[in-house]
Amino acid sequence: MKSNSNDRPPILQDLGNGSWHYNYNITEVEVPPEPMAEQEGEQTPAARKAYDYDTEEIWGRPDYDKCVKAVLRSRRDETEEFSLINKYNAFVLGLSTDEADKTEYENFLTEVMAVKAMVRNDLAAANVE
């Protein structure tokens, strides 16, 4: 889920009901001031900083595996993943000649590796083992 905040969100946020938010892809953005009718003697408000980020809800204490799974499942469900694997296997076995069946799965594996690295770095930054 895409989120925005005026304050930098923590990487892991305890919601107090047994669930947590894993906040990632946190980027600082500049928000332009809202247009106002100019009045004599007033200054134009300055731009402000905000944070755009993605959030996944995790039940139970977050760890590496739960965070990786939450991010990957937010992008693709198990059925879609199995479909990629089956298409790839069909290509490898010569049952399919569509190069896209191979390329899609290789791209998915690259995405998985990137998500794992991101989660590892985020949890290290949050001092979570």
Protein backbone atom coordinates (compact mmCIF):
# COMPACT_ATOMS: atom_id res chain seq x y z
CA MET A 1 0.00 0.00 0.00
CA LYS A 2 1.34 3.43 -0.91
CA SER A 3 1.52 5.83 2.02
CA ASN A 4 2.56 9.39 2.75
CA SER A 5 3.50 11.12 5.99
CA ASN A 6 4.79 14.46 7.19
CA ASP A 7 7.09 12.57 9.58
CA ARG A 8 9.64 9.95 8.57
CA PRO A 9 8.00 6.60 9.35
CA PRO A 10 9.85 3.92 11.29
CA ILE A 11 10.82 0.84 9.28
CA LEU A 12 8.87 -1.32 11.72
CA GLN A 13 5.85 0.15 13.48
CA ASP A 14 4.03 -1.74 16.23
CA LEU A 15 0.30 -1.11 15.84
CA GLY A 16 -0.42 -2.47 19.31
CA ASN A 17 -2.97 -5.09 18.24
CA GLY A 18 -0.59 -7.90 17.33
CA SER A 19 0.14 -6.45 13.91
CA TRP A 20 2.98 -4.34 12.62
CA HIS A 21 3.63 -2.17 9.61
CA TYR A 22 6.76 -2.80 7.59
CA ASN A 23 7.51 0.54 5.91
CA TYR A 24 9.93 0.44 2.98
CA ASN A 25 10.99 2.40 -0.09
CA ILE A 26 10.92 5.49 2.12
CA THR A 27 11.74 8.58 0.09
CA GLU A 28 11.74 12.20 1.13
CA VAL A 29 9.72 14.43 -1.16
CA GLU A 30 9.18 18.16 -1.32
CA VAL A 31 5.56 19.22 -1.24
CA PRO A 32 4.89 22.59 -2.84
CA PRO A 33 2.88 25.07 -0.80
CA GLU A 34 -0.82 25.24 -1.43
CA PRO A 35 -1.75 28.28 -3.48
CA MET A 36 -3.18 31.08 -1.39
CA ALA A 37 -4.57 34.42 -2.32
CA GLU A 38 -1.83 36.92 -1.68
CA GLN A 39 -2.57 39.51 0.91
CA GLU A 40 -0.46 42.53 1.57
CA GLY A 41 2.34 41.84 4.01
CA GLU A 42 2.01 38.06 3.98
CA GLN A 43 4.81 35.81 2.88
CA THR A 44 4.30 32.94 0.50
CA PRO A 45 4.47 29.69 2.51
CA ALA A 46 7.54 27.57 1.90
CA ALA A 47 7.53 24.09 0.49
CA ARG A 48 7.53 21.36 3.10
CA LYS A 49 9.11 17.94 3.33
CA ALA A 50 7.07 14.74 3.42
CA TYR A 51 7.76 11.04 2.98
CA ASP A 52 6.35 8.64 0.42
CA TYR A 53 6.67 4.94 1.21
CA ASP A 54 5.15 1.51 0.85
CA THR A 55 3.56 -0.32 3.79
CA GLU A 56 2.77 -3.98 4.37
CA GLU A 57 0.88 -5.24 7.40
CA ILE A 58 2.45 -8.17 9.22
CA TRP A 59 0.83 -10.18 12.00
CA GLY A 60 3.14 -11.16 14.83
CA ARG A 61 6.64 -9.89 15.42
CA PRO A 62 8.21 -9.05 12.03
CA ASP A 63 11.25 -10.94 10.88
CA TYR A 64 13.12 -11.36 7.61
CA ASP A 65 10.93 -14.16 6.23
CA LYS A 66 7.64 -12.44 7.13
CA CYS A 67 8.74 -9.13 5.59
CA VAL A 68 9.99 -10.76 2.37
CA LYS A 69 6.79 -12.77 2.02
CA ALA A 70 4.58 -9.71 2.68
CA VAL A 71 6.33 -7.63 0.00
CA LEU A 72 6.37 -10.42 -2.58
CA ARG A 73 2.71 -11.34 -1.98
CA SER A 74 1.69 -7.70 -2.32
CA ARG A 75 3.08 -7.82 -5.85
CA ARG A 76 2.05 -11.30 -6.97
CA ASP A 77 -0.05 -14.08 -5.39
CA GLU A 78 0.92 -17.76 -5.24
CA THR A 79 -1.13 -18.63 -8.32
CA GLU A 80 0.72 -16.07 -10.43
CA GLU A 81 4.06 -17.30 -9.10
CA PHE A 82 3.20 -20.94 -9.89
CA SER A 83 2.17 -19.89 -13.38
CA LEU A 84 5.59 -18.30 -13.94
CA ILE A 85 7.32 -21.45 -12.69
CA ASN A 86 5.20 -23.72 -14.86
CA LYS A 87 5.80 -21.62 -17.97
CA TYR A 88 9.54 -21.61 -17.27
CA ASN A 89 9.62 -25.38 -16.76
CA ALA A 90 7.68 -25.88 -19.99
CA PHE A 91 10.27 -23.77 -21.81
CA VAL A 92 13.20 -25.64 -20.23
CA LEU A 93 11.65 -29.01 -21.17
CA GLY A 94 11.09 -27.85 -24.73
CA LEU A 95 7.29 -27.90 -24.42
CA SER A 96 7.19 -24.15 -25.04
CA THR A 97 9.23 -22.15 -27.51
CA ASP A 98 8.13 -18.76 -26.17
CA GLU A 99 11.24 -16.95 -24.87
CA ALA A 100 8.93 -14.77 -22.74
CA ASP A 101 8.21 -17.82 -20.55
CA LYS A 102 11.90 -17.93 -19.64
CA THR A 103 12.42 -14.17 -19.42
CA GLU A 104 9.40 -13.53 -17.16
CA TYR A 105 10.64 -16.06 -14.61
CA GLU A 106 14.21 -14.75 -14.73
CA ASN A 107 12.86 -11.23 -14.14
CA PHE A 108 10.79 -12.54 -11.23
CA LEU A 109 13.88 -14.16 -9.67
CA THR A 110 15.78 -10.89 -10.05
CA GLU A 111 12.90 -9.10 -8.29
CA VAL A 112 12.94 -11.68 -5.46
CA MET A 113 16.67 -11.16 -4.94
CA ALA A 114 16.21 -7.37 -4.87
CA VAL A 115 13.38 -7.65 -2.31
CA LYS A 116 15.50 -9.93 -0.11
CA ALA A 117 18.41 -7.50 -0.20
CA MET A 118 16.11 -4.56 0.57
CA VAL A 119 14.52 -6.33 3.55
CA ARG A 120 17.93 -7.43 4.86
CA ASN A 121 19.19 -3.83 4.69
CA ASP A 122 16.02 -2.38 6.23
CA LEU A 123 16.04 -4.82 9.15
CA ALA A 124 19.73 -4.16 9.78
CA ALA A 125 18.95 -0.42 9.85
CA ALA A 126 16.13 -1.12 12.33
CA ASN A 127 18.48 -3.29 14.44
CA VAL A 128 16.38 -6.42 13.90
CA GLU A 129 18.09 -9.75 13.39
